[in-house]
Amino acid sequence: MSYRVELQASGEFINAMGSHPRGRVIFTGDGWVAFNLEGSDRKPANTEEDRASLMKTLVAYVGRYRIEGNQWVTSVETAWAPEWVGTEQRRNVTITGDIAEVVTPWRKMPNWAKNQMSRSIIKFTRA
């Protein structure tokens, strides 16, 4: 798995999830998707500040999904970020062999690059 975040204004890539993020996306035959991504080198929290900081290296949501052309669209029912609940999340997907490259639209993420437009480029390997 790889995860890169591109800032729209500068074209710069930031290492939002570290060098070795881990995660899964699971699609069920009856139309559900569960997405979980966490940054590398996360450590258990010792303080409330540590616990709050861990939220910067987590993306997780669950919902019903549908496919539209080369996009996977999720109607989010639960999420690590409450502002995502009740939204639709669109992802462009390109599959080459066992690799799926997933690209988000430009958006403002609650975790990083405050008030800047960014997009994520994620590569998953089929399990």
C-alpha atoms as a PDB file:
ATOM      1  CA  MET A   1       0.000   0.000   0.000  1.00  0.00           C
ATOM      2  CA  SER A   2       1.126   3.543  -0.663  1.00  0.00           C
ATOM      3  CA  TYR A   3      -0.455   6.860   0.223  1.00  0.00           C
ATOM      4  CA  ARG A   4       0.469  10.329  -1.063  1.00  0.00           C
ATOM      5  CA  VAL A   5      -1.225  13.680  -0.546  1.00  0.00           C
ATOM      6  CA  GLU A   6      -0.874  16.405  -3.178  1.00  0.00           C
ATOM      7  CA  LEU A   7      -1.491  20.077  -2.345  1.00  0.00           C
ATOM      8  CA  GLN A   8      -3.378  21.778  -5.162  1.00  0.00           C
ATOM      9  CA  ALA A   9      -1.899  25.286  -4.799  1.00  0.00           C
ATOM     10  CA  SER A  10       1.767  24.247  -4.920  1.00  0.00           C
ATOM     11  CA  GLY A  11       1.754  20.756  -6.463  1.00  0.00           C
ATOM     12  CA  GLU A  12       3.783  19.706  -3.403  1.00  0.00           C
ATOM     13  CA  PHE A  13       3.356  16.213  -1.969  1.00  0.00           C
ATOM     14  CA  ILE A  14       3.159  15.891   1.809  1.00  0.00           C
ATOM     15  CA  ASN A  15       3.854  12.739   3.759  1.00  0.00           C
ATOM     16  CA  ALA A  16       0.591  12.823   5.740  1.00  0.00           C
ATOM     17  CA  MET A  17       0.616   9.139   6.721  1.00  0.00           C
ATOM     18  CA  GLY A  18       4.329   8.384   6.959  1.00  0.00           C
ATOM     19  CA  SER A  19       6.446   6.067   4.857  1.00  0.00           C
ATOM     20  CA  HIS A  20       4.557   2.816   5.556  1.00  0.00           C
ATOM     21  CA  PRO A  21       0.831   3.406   6.070  1.00  0.00           C
ATOM     22  CA  ARG A  22      -1.447   0.423   6.469  1.00  0.00           C
ATOM     23  CA  GLY A  23      -5.049  -0.143   5.747  1.00  0.00           C
ATOM     24  CA  ARG A  24      -7.741  -2.027   3.940  1.00  0.00           C
ATOM     25  CA  VAL A  25     -10.734  -1.367   1.808  1.00  0.00           C
ATOM     26  CA  ILE A  26     -13.319  -4.140   1.881  1.00  0.00           C
ATOM     27  CA  PHE A  27     -16.221  -4.338  -0.557  1.00  0.00           C
ATOM     28  CA  THR A  28     -19.064  -6.756   0.164  1.00  0.00           C
ATOM     29  CA  GLY A  29     -21.267  -8.419  -2.405  1.00  0.00           C
ATOM     30  CA  ASP A  30     -24.363  -6.779  -0.906  1.00  0.00           C
ATOM     31  CA  GLY A  31     -23.113  -3.211  -1.474  1.00  0.00           C
ATOM     32  CA  TRP A  32     -21.141  -2.183   1.624  1.00  0.00           C
ATOM     33  CA  VAL A  33     -17.625  -0.780   1.815  1.00  0.00           C
ATOM     34  CA  ALA A  34     -15.362  -0.383   4.847  1.00  0.00           C
ATOM     35  CA  PHE A  35     -12.271   1.802   4.462  1.00  0.00           C
ATOM     36  CA  ASN A  36      -9.521   2.052   7.087  1.00  0.00           C
ATOM     37  CA  LEU A  37      -6.172   3.786   6.692  1.00  0.00           C
ATOM     38  CA  GLU A  38      -3.681   4.552   9.418  1.00  0.00           C
ATOM     39  CA  GLY A  39      -0.310   6.204   9.352  1.00  0.00           C
ATOM     40  CA  SER A  40       2.962   4.451  10.010  1.00  0.00           C
ATOM     41  CA  ASP A  41       4.730   4.445  13.381  1.00  0.00           C
ATOM     42  CA  ARG A  42       1.592   5.099  15.461  1.00  0.00           C
ATOM     43  CA  LYS A  43       2.153   4.585  19.185  1.00  0.00           C
ATOM     44  CA  PRO A  44      -0.376   4.108  21.991  1.00  0.00           C
ATOM     45  CA  ALA A  45      -1.500   7.384  23.523  1.00  0.00           C
ATOM     46  CA  ASN A  46      -0.246   8.329  26.993  1.00  0.00           C
ATOM     47  CA  THR A  47      -2.124  11.624  27.215  1.00  0.00           C
ATOM     48  CA  GLU A  48      -5.294  13.167  25.832  1.00  0.00           C
ATOM     49  CA  GLU A  49      -3.075  15.322  23.593  1.00  0.00           C
ATOM     50  CA  ASP A  50      -1.449  12.156  22.212  1.00  0.00           C
ATOM     51  CA  ARG A  51      -4.900  10.654  21.588  1.00  0.00           C
ATOM     52  CA  ALA A  52      -6.066  13.763  19.727  1.00  0.00           C
ATOM     53  CA  SER A  53      -2.878  13.732  17.637  1.00  0.00           C
ATOM     54  CA  LEU A  54      -3.563  10.146  16.530  1.00  0.00           C
ATOM     55  CA  MET A  55      -6.652  11.407  14.684  1.00  0.00           C
ATOM     56  CA  LYS A  56      -4.323  13.152  12.200  1.00  0.00           C
ATOM     57  CA  THR A  57      -3.107   9.759  10.970  1.00  0.00           C
ATOM     58  CA  LEU A  58      -6.437   7.980  10.614  1.00  0.00           C
ATOM     59  CA  VAL A  59      -9.103   7.833   7.916  1.00  0.00           C
ATOM     60  CA  ALA A  60     -11.970   5.387   8.409  1.00  0.00           C
ATOM     61  CA  TYR A  61     -15.504   5.175   7.101  1.00  0.00           C
ATOM     62  CA  VAL A  62     -18.270   2.701   6.263  1.00  0.00           C
ATOM     63  CA  GLY A  63     -21.237   3.011   3.950  1.00  0.00           C
ATOM     64  CA  ARG A  64     -23.147   1.747   0.958  1.00  0.00           C
ATOM     65  CA  TYR A  65     -21.251   1.952  -2.317  1.00  0.00           C
ATOM     66  CA  ARG A  66     -22.011   1.977  -6.005  1.00  0.00           C
ATOM     67  CA  ILE A  67     -19.868   2.022  -9.138  1.00  0.00           C
ATOM     68  CA  GLU A  68     -20.308   4.790 -11.739  1.00  0.00           C
ATOM     69  CA  GLY A  69     -17.952   4.333 -14.676  1.00  0.00           C
ATOM     70  CA  ASN A  70     -14.436   4.422 -13.208  1.00  0.00           C
ATOM     71  CA  GLN A  71     -15.623   5.829  -9.865  1.00  0.00           C
ATOM     72  CA  TRP A  72     -16.526   4.190  -6.608  1.00  0.00           C
ATOM     73  CA  VAL A  73     -19.063   6.310  -4.732  1.00  0.00           C
ATOM     74  CA  THR A  74     -19.727   5.767  -1.016  1.00  0.00           C
ATOM     75  CA  SER A  75     -22.742   7.090   0.866  1.00  0.00           C
ATOM     76  CA  VAL A  76     -21.022   7.459   4.241  1.00  0.00           C
ATOM     77  CA  GLU A  77     -22.943   6.151   7.266  1.00  0.00           C
ATOM     78  CA  THR A  78     -20.176   6.171   9.899  1.00  0.00           C
ATOM     79  CA  ALA A  79     -16.791   7.895   9.847  1.00  0.00           C
ATOM     80  CA  TRP A  80     -13.843   8.943  11.951  1.00  0.00           C
ATOM     81  CA  ALA A  81     -14.723  12.545  11.013  1.00  0.00           C
ATOM     82  CA  PRO A  82     -18.360  13.412  11.803  1.00  0.00           C
ATOM     83  CA  GLU A  83     -18.513  15.910   8.920  1.00  0.00           C
ATOM     84  CA  TRP A  84     -18.261  12.995   6.473  1.00  0.00           C
ATOM     85  CA  VAL A  85     -21.398  11.239   7.814  1.00  0.00           C
ATOM     86  CA  GLY A  86     -24.245  11.733   5.359  1.00  0.00           C
ATOM     87  CA  THR A  87     -21.936  12.765   2.495  1.00  0.00           C
ATOM     88  CA  GLU A  88     -21.008  10.998  -0.719  1.00  0.00           C
ATOM     89  CA  GLN A  89     -17.319  10.288  -1.181  1.00  0.00           C
ATOM     90  CA  ARG A  90     -16.208   9.781  -4.806  1.00  0.00           C
ATOM     91  CA  ARG A  91     -12.990   8.062  -5.799  1.00  0.00           C
ATOM     92  CA  ASN A  92     -11.535   7.548  -9.280  1.00  0.00           C
ATOM     93  CA  VAL A  93     -10.166   4.030  -9.598  1.00  0.00           C
ATOM     94  CA  THR A  94      -7.730   2.519 -12.082  1.00  0.00           C
ATOM     95  CA  ILE A  95      -7.022  -1.207 -11.809  1.00  0.00           C
ATOM     96  CA  THR A  96      -3.879  -2.727 -13.289  1.00  0.00           C
ATOM     97  CA  GLY A  97      -3.467  -6.409 -12.463  1.00  0.00           C
ATOM     98  CA  ASP A  98      -3.724  -6.714  -8.671  1.00  0.00           C
ATOM     99  CA  ILE A  99      -3.088  -2.986  -8.060  1.00  0.00           C
ATOM    100  CA  ALA A 100      -5.905  -0.460  -7.620  1.00  0.00           C
ATOM    101  CA  GLU A 101      -4.899   3.195  -7.781  1.00  0.00           C
ATOM    102  CA  VAL A 102      -7.493   5.359  -6.053  1.00  0.00           C
ATOM    103  CA  VAL A 103      -7.526   9.146  -6.470  1.00  0.00           C
ATOM    104  CA  THR A 104      -9.798  11.427  -4.470  1.00  0.00           C
ATOM    105  CA  PRO A 105     -11.237  14.673  -5.774  1.00  0.00           C
ATOM    106  CA  TRP A 106      -9.650  17.908  -4.548  1.00  0.00           C
ATOM    107  CA  ARG A 107     -11.010  18.678  -1.070  1.00  0.00           C
ATOM    108  CA  LYS A 108     -10.143  20.072   2.362  1.00  0.00           C
ATOM    109  CA  MET A 109      -9.280  17.224   4.718  1.00  0.00           C
ATOM    110  CA  PRO A 110      -9.949  17.521   8.440  1.00  0.00           C
ATOM    111  CA  ASN A 111      -6.598  15.821   9.255  1.00  0.00           C
ATOM    112  CA  TRP A 112      -3.950  17.893   7.488  1.00  0.00           C
ATOM    113  CA  ALA A 113      -3.156  20.935   5.332  1.00  0.00           C
ATOM    114  CA  LYS A 114      -5.778  23.051   7.093  1.00  0.00           C
ATOM    115  CA  ASN A 115      -7.822  25.171   4.687  1.00  0.00           C
ATOM    116  CA  GLN A 116      -5.841  23.921   1.690  1.00  0.00           C
ATOM    117  CA  MET A 117      -7.222  21.881  -1.167  1.00  0.00           C
ATOM    118  CA  SER A 118      -5.553  18.495  -1.411  1.00  0.00           C
ATOM    119  CA  ARG A 119      -6.134  15.124  -2.972  1.00  0.00           C
ATOM    120  CA  SER A 120      -5.015  11.663  -1.976  1.00  0.00           C
ATOM    121  CA  ILE A 121      -3.435   9.077  -4.253  1.00  0.00           C
ATOM    122  CA  ILE A 122      -3.655   5.600  -2.774  1.00  0.00           C
ATOM    123  CA  LYS A 123      -2.416   2.294  -4.143  1.00  0.00           C
ATOM    124  CA  PHE A 124      -3.891  -0.928  -2.819  1.00  0.00           C
ATOM    125  CA  THR A 125      -2.770  -4.444  -3.643  1.00  0.00           C
ATOM    126  CA  ARG A 126      -5.494  -7.094  -3.884  1.00  0.00           C
ATOM    127  CA  ALA A 127      -5.385  -9.390  -0.844  1.00  0.00           C
END
